[in-house]
C-alpha cells in the first residue's frame, strides 16, 4: 500500500498560479487540509487509507510522496503564504480548534453544536484550498466564482455556490473536485460537488441545495457569529460516496488512480467530467 502523503505538482515548478493566475510564478506547496487543523496521529494500517481524493490528474502525471502531509505545488508564494496562509487559513484553523475543543469536552454536548467563526473568511479559505487542489489551472465556471469571492472581501454573495458544513468524525481526510452527484431515493436531483473534509470539519460546495445540512452562506456579512454544526454519523461520508459510485469521474483513492463509472475509457470520462464541470 502506498503512503498517504503525496506532493501533487503541475508540469513545472514555474507555472501559472491556481489562485491569482500569475505566470510565470515560482510555485510553492499548499497543505490540504491546512497545517494546524489536524488533531490526530495516524499510524499503522490506517495510514494507507487516511486520504481519499477525487479530482482530474494531468495525463501521465505521477504523484511524489511526501513525509508530512498531502500538498499541492500549485500556488505562488504570495497567494500561499500571505493571501491564503495569513489571510484566511488562521480563521479556518481556529474554527477547527474550537470545534475539536468542544468535541473533547467531558460535558454532554447539545446538538447542533454552535461554534464561533467568521463565515466569509472560512469560505474563502475553503475556496482557496479547493482551487489549489488541481494539478492544472482551474478555469471552470465554479472555479471562477470561487476565485472572484476569494479576492473580493467585500462580497457577501458566492455567485450561486452553496457551502455545506458539518462535524466530520472520521479519521479519513477527503478532497473532491468537479464531481457530479445525483440522488435517486426520493426525487431525481443532481449537482456538481467539491468537497474538503477532515476531522473535525467537513465542507461541501454545491450548485444546488439538495441536502439537509447547514449552509455557511447564511452567515455571510455578519462578522464573527455562532454557527450550528450538525453531527454526521461515523462512516456517513463513506456511505454517501458508495451511493455516488456509478457516476463517471476520475478518482484517486489511497494513492492509486482508478476509474469509476460504466466502463468508459479514461479519456471519455475526462471529457464527460470536464464538460459537466463547465456547466
Protein backbone atom coordinates (compact mmCIF):
# COMPACT_ATOMS: atom_id res chain seq x y z
CA UNK A 1 0.00 0.00 0.00
CA UNK A 2 1.41 3.42 -0.86
CA UNK A 3 1.87 6.05 1.85
CA UNK A 4 -0.95 8.53 2.42
CA UNK A 5 1.28 11.60 2.00
CA UNK A 6 1.81 12.93 -1.50
CA UNK A 7 3.05 16.01 -3.32
CA UNK A 8 0.94 16.67 -6.41
CA UNK A 9 2.51 19.15 -8.82
CA UNK A 10 1.88 20.88 -12.11
CA UNK A 11 4.10 20.12 -15.07
CA UNK A 12 6.74 22.59 -13.90
CA UNK A 13 7.72 24.28 -10.62
CA UNK A 14 7.45 27.57 -12.52
CA UNK A 15 3.95 27.80 -13.90
CA UNK A 16 0.65 29.63 -13.56
CA UNK A 17 -0.64 30.17 -10.02
CA UNK A 18 -4.01 28.46 -9.48
CA UNK A 19 -5.29 31.41 -7.44
CA UNK A 20 -4.07 34.74 -8.87
CA UNK A 21 -3.22 33.29 -12.32
CA UNK A 22 0.20 34.98 -12.25
CA UNK A 23 2.52 33.49 -14.86
CA UNK A 24 5.31 32.63 -14.73
CA UNK A 25 5.36 32.14 -10.97
CA UNK A 26 7.55 30.10 -8.69
CA UNK A 27 5.09 27.63 -7.18
CA UNK A 28 5.13 26.60 -3.52
CA UNK A 29 3.45 23.81 -1.60
CA UNK A 30 -0.07 24.24 -0.22
CA UNK A 31 -1.11 21.84 2.55
CA UNK A 32 -4.58 20.37 2.09
CA UNK A 33 -6.07 20.36 4.72
CA UNK A 34 -4.14 23.36 6.12
CA UNK A 35 -1.39 22.90 8.67
CA UNK A 36 -2.52 23.17 12.26
CA UNK A 37 -6.03 21.86 11.64
CA UNK A 38 -5.40 18.12 12.06
CA UNK A 39 -5.65 16.74 15.58
CA UNK A 40 -4.95 13.02 15.36
CA UNK A 41 -1.89 10.98 14.54
CA UNK A 42 -2.49 8.20 12.04
CA UNK A 43 -0.27 5.15 12.15
CA UNK A 44 -0.20 1.54 11.08
CA UNK A 45 -2.95 0.19 8.86
CA UNK A 46 -4.88 3.48 9.00
CA UNK A 47 -2.08 5.29 7.16
CA UNK A 48 -2.76 3.82 3.72
CA UNK A 49 -6.48 4.59 3.86
CA UNK A 50 -6.29 8.00 5.51
CA UNK A 51 -6.69 10.16 2.40
CA UNK A 52 -9.36 9.79 -0.26
CA UNK A 53 -9.27 12.31 -3.09
CA UNK A 54 -11.25 12.77 -6.28
CA UNK A 55 -10.01 15.15 -8.94
CA UNK A 56 -8.63 15.16 -12.50
CA UNK A 57 -4.98 14.31 -12.95
CA UNK A 58 -2.88 15.54 -15.86
CA UNK A 59 -2.24 12.78 -18.41
CA UNK A 60 0.88 10.95 -17.36
CA UNK A 61 1.18 12.93 -14.12
CA UNK A 62 2.72 10.99 -11.25
CA UNK A 63 2.38 11.92 -7.55
CA UNK A 64 5.55 12.38 -5.48
CA UNK A 65 5.36 11.01 -1.97
CA UNK A 66 5.82 13.37 0.97
CA UNK A 67 6.78 12.71 4.57
CA UNK A 68 4.43 15.17 6.29
CA UNK A 69 1.08 15.63 4.61
CA UNK A 70 -0.65 15.94 1.26
CA UNK A 71 0.47 19.04 -0.63
CA UNK A 72 -0.24 20.68 -3.97
CA UNK A 73 2.55 22.60 -5.73
CA UNK A 74 0.13 24.97 -7.46
CA UNK A 75 0.24 28.37 -5.69
CA UNK A 76 2.69 31.26 -5.92
CA UNK A 77 4.42 32.41 -2.75
CA UNK A 78 2.21 35.48 -2.31
CA UNK A 79 -1.03 33.50 -2.53
CA UNK A 80 0.18 30.55 -0.49
CA UNK A 81 1.87 32.44 2.35
CA UNK A 82 0.03 35.76 2.51
CA UNK A 83 -3.38 35.73 0.82
CA UNK A 84 -4.38 32.22 1.87
CA UNK A 85 -1.98 31.37 4.71
CA UNK A 86 -2.05 34.62 6.69
CA UNK A 87 -5.31 35.95 5.27
CA UNK A 88 -7.83 33.16 5.72
CA UNK A 89 -6.22 29.94 6.98
CA UNK A 90 -5.97 31.28 10.51
CA UNK A 91 -9.76 31.53 10.74
CA UNK A 92 -10.21 28.02 9.35
CA UNK A 93 -7.60 26.58 11.73
CA UNK A 94 -9.06 28.46 14.72
CA UNK A 95 -12.55 27.19 13.84
CA UNK A 96 -11.19 23.64 13.65
CA UNK A 97 -9.54 24.05 17.04
CA UNK A 98 -12.69 25.45 18.65
CA UNK A 99 -14.71 22.58 17.23
CA UNK A 100 -12.20 19.99 18.42
CA UNK A 101 -12.11 21.57 21.88
CA UNK A 102 -15.89 21.38 22.13
CA UNK A 103 -15.91 17.76 20.98
CA UNK A 104 -13.21 16.88 23.53
CA UNK A 105 -15.22 18.33 26.40
CA UNK A 106 -16.36 15.91 29.11
CA UNK A 107 -19.69 17.71 29.22
CA UNK A 108 -22.69 16.42 27.30
CA UNK A 109 -22.96 18.48 24.12
CA UNK A 110 -26.21 19.93 22.85
CA UNK A 111 -26.77 19.38 19.13
CA UNK A 112 -26.50 21.18 16.85
CA UNK A 113 -23.16 22.27 18.27
CA UNK A 114 -22.56 26.01 17.96
CA UNK A 115 -19.05 27.27 17.14
CA UNK A 116 -17.94 30.87 16.64
CA UNK A 117 -16.43 31.77 13.28
CA UNK A 118 -16.30 34.37 10.51
CA UNK A 119 -18.17 32.61 7.70
CA UNK A 120 -16.68 34.76 4.95
CA UNK A 121 -13.09 34.04 5.95
CA UNK A 122 -13.76 30.32 6.42
CA UNK A 123 -15.41 30.05 2.99
CA UNK A 124 -12.51 31.92 1.36
CA UNK A 125 -10.03 29.53 2.99
CA UNK A 126 -12.01 26.52 1.73
CA UNK A 127 -12.24 28.01 -1.77
CA UNK A 128 -8.51 28.73 -1.77
CA UNK A 129 -7.57 25.16 -0.90
CA UNK A 130 -10.04 23.72 -3.42
CA UNK A 131 -8.54 25.92 -6.15
CA UNK A 132 -5.08 24.76 -5.10
CA UNK A 133 -6.16 21.10 -5.26
CA UNK A 134 -5.89 20.80 -9.03
CA UNK A 135 -2.74 19.97 -10.93
CA UNK A 136 -3.91 22.17 -13.81
CA UNK A 137 -5.12 25.78 -13.73
CA UNK A 138 -8.78 25.70 -12.60
CA UNK A 139 -10.93 27.69 -15.04
CA UNK A 140 -14.44 26.21 -14.82
CA UNK A 141 -17.40 28.47 -14.12
CA UNK A 142 -17.39 27.29 -10.50
CA UNK A 143 -13.64 27.91 -10.19
CA UNK A 144 -14.03 31.47 -11.46
CA UNK A 145 -16.79 32.11 -8.91
CA UNK A 146 -14.58 30.77 -6.13
CA UNK A 147 -11.69 32.93 -7.32
CA UNK A 148 -13.83 36.08 -7.52
CA UNK A 149 -15.17 35.57 -3.98
CA UNK A 150 -11.70 34.77 -2.63
CA UNK A 151 -10.16 38.01 -3.86
CA UNK A 152 -13.01 40.43 -3.08
CA UNK A 153 -13.54 40.53 0.69
CA UNK A 154 -16.49 42.92 0.29
CA UNK A 155 -18.58 40.25 -1.45
CA UNK A 156 -21.32 38.50 0.52
CA UNK A 157 -22.61 36.55 -2.49
CA UNK A 158 -20.74 33.45 -3.65
CA UNK A 159 -22.38 33.51 -7.09
CA UNK A 160 -24.66 30.52 -6.61
CA UNK A 161 -22.15 28.29 -4.80
CA UNK A 162 -23.51 26.89 -1.53
CA UNK A 163 -21.15 25.69 1.21
CA UNK A 164 -22.47 22.91 3.46
CA UNK A 165 -20.57 22.29 6.69
CA UNK A 166 -20.74 19.68 9.44
CA UNK A 167 -18.77 17.81 12.12
CA UNK A 168 -16.68 15.16 10.34
CA UNK A 169 -15.99 12.38 12.88
CA UNK A 170 -13.86 10.05 10.75
CA UNK A 171 -10.08 9.84 10.54
CA UNK A 172 -10.17 9.86 6.74
CA UNK A 173 -9.48 13.18 5.02
CA UNK A 174 -11.39 13.78 1.78
CA UNK A 175 -10.69 16.01 -1.23
CA UNK A 176 -13.01 16.10 -4.24
CA UNK A 177 -13.13 18.41 -7.24
CA UNK A 178 -15.69 18.74 -10.05
CA UNK A 179 -17.72 15.62 -9.32
CA UNK A 180 -21.33 15.31 -10.49
CA UNK A 181 -23.55 13.78 -7.79
CA UNK A 182 -27.14 12.60 -8.07
CA UNK A 183 -29.76 11.44 -5.58
CA UNK A 184 -32.45 8.98 -6.68
CA UNK A 185 -34.06 7.89 -3.40
CA UNK A 186 -36.89 10.42 -3.15
CA UNK A 187 -36.61 12.55 -6.26
CA UNK A 188 -34.07 12.94 -9.00
CA UNK A 189 -31.76 15.83 -8.13
CA UNK A 190 -28.18 16.45 -9.13
CA UNK A 191 -25.42 18.99 -8.69
CA UNK A 192 -21.71 19.49 -9.19
CA UNK A 193 -19.80 18.95 -5.99
CA UNK A 194 -16.44 19.91 -4.46
CA UNK A 195 -15.57 18.54 -1.04
CA UNK A 196 -12.92 19.08 1.62
CA UNK A 197 -13.29 17.17 4.89
CA UNK A 198 -11.03 16.12 7.73
CA UNK A 199 -11.53 15.60 11.44
CA UNK A 200 -13.27 17.60 12.85
CA UNK A 201 -14.84 19.59 9.95
CA UNK A 202 -16.35 18.87 6.57
CA UNK A 203 -17.21 21.31 3.77
CA UNK A 204 -19.10 20.58 0.54
CA UNK A 205 -19.51 23.17 -2.22
CA UNK A 206 -22.56 22.57 -4.43
CA UNK A 207 -24.59 24.42 -7.06
CA UNK A 208 -27.98 23.23 -5.71
CA UNK A 209 -29.10 22.88 -2.09
CA UNK A 210 -30.01 19.19 -2.18
CA UNK A 211 -29.04 18.09 1.36
CA UNK A 212 -30.49 18.91 4.79
CA UNK A 213 -27.29 20.39 6.22
CA UNK A 214 -26.49 23.91 7.46
CA UNK A 215 -25.21 26.28 4.77
CA UNK A 216 -22.37 28.60 5.72
CA UNK A 217 -23.57 31.21 3.20
CA UNK A 218 -26.45 32.06 5.57
CA UNK A 219 -23.94 33.73 7.92
CA UNK A 220 -22.06 35.87 5.39
CA UNK A 221 -21.78 39.56 6.14
CA UNK A 222 -22.44 39.07 9.88
CA UNK A 223 -18.84 39.09 11.09
CA UNK A 224 -17.96 36.61 13.82
CA UNK A 225 -21.07 34.73 14.90
CA UNK A 226 -22.05 31.34 16.34
CA UNK A 227 -22.88 28.88 13.56
CA UNK A 228 -24.61 25.50 14.02
CA UNK A 229 -22.70 22.29 13.31
CA UNK A 230 -24.61 19.08 12.60
CA UNK A 231 -23.00 15.77 13.57
CA UNK A 232 -22.69 13.26 10.72
CA UNK A 233 -22.60 9.63 11.84
CA UNK A 234 -19.22 7.86 11.66
CA UNK A 235 -18.84 6.33 8.22
CA UNK A 236 -21.62 8.52 6.84
CA UNK A 237 -19.40 10.07 4.19
CA UNK A 238 -18.26 6.64 3.01
CA UNK A 239 -21.89 5.51 2.70
CA UNK A 240 -22.71 8.67 0.74
CA UNK A 241 -19.78 8.11 -1.61
CA UNK A 242 -20.77 4.50 -2.19
CA UNK A 243 -24.17 5.71 -3.36
CA UNK A 244 -22.39 8.02 -5.81
CA UNK A 245 -20.11 5.30 -7.25
CA UNK A 246 -21.90 4.89 -10.63
CA UNK A 247 -21.08 8.48 -11.61
CA UNK A 248 -18.40 8.95 -14.24
CA UNK A 249 -15.35 10.58 -12.71
CA UNK A 250 -11.63 10.02 -12.25
CA UNK A 251 -10.81 9.03 -8.70
CA UNK A 252 -7.65 8.88 -6.68
CA UNK A 253 -8.11 6.53 -3.75
CA UNK A 254 -5.40 5.89 -1.19
CA UNK A 255 -2.72 6.91 -3.68
CA UNK A 256 -3.99 4.72 -6.53
CA UNK A 257 -5.67 6.05 -9.66
CA UNK A 258 -8.84 4.19 -10.59
CA UNK A 259 -11.81 4.91 -12.83
CA UNK A 260 -15.42 4.60 -11.73
CA UNK A 261 -18.42 4.56 -14.00
CA UNK A 262 -19.97 2.44 -16.66
CA UNK A 263 -16.87 1.05 -18.28
CA UNK A 264 -15.90 4.30 -20.03
CA UNK A 265 -12.33 4.84 -21.09
CA UNK A 266 -10.23 7.34 -19.08
CA UNK A 267 -10.29 9.82 -21.97
CA UNK A 268 -14.08 9.57 -22.31
CA UNK A 269 -14.51 10.01 -18.56
CA UNK A 270 -12.22 13.04 -18.64
CA UNK A 271 -14.25 14.61 -21.47
CA UNK A 272 -17.54 13.98 -19.66
CA UNK A 273 -16.27 15.35 -16.36
CA UNK A 274 -14.74 18.43 -17.99
CA UNK A 275 -17.97 19.08 -19.88
CA UNK A 276 -20.03 18.74 -16.71
CA UNK A 277 -17.69 20.99 -14.74
CA UNK A 278 -18.23 23.84 -17.21
CA UNK A 279 -21.98 23.96 -16.53
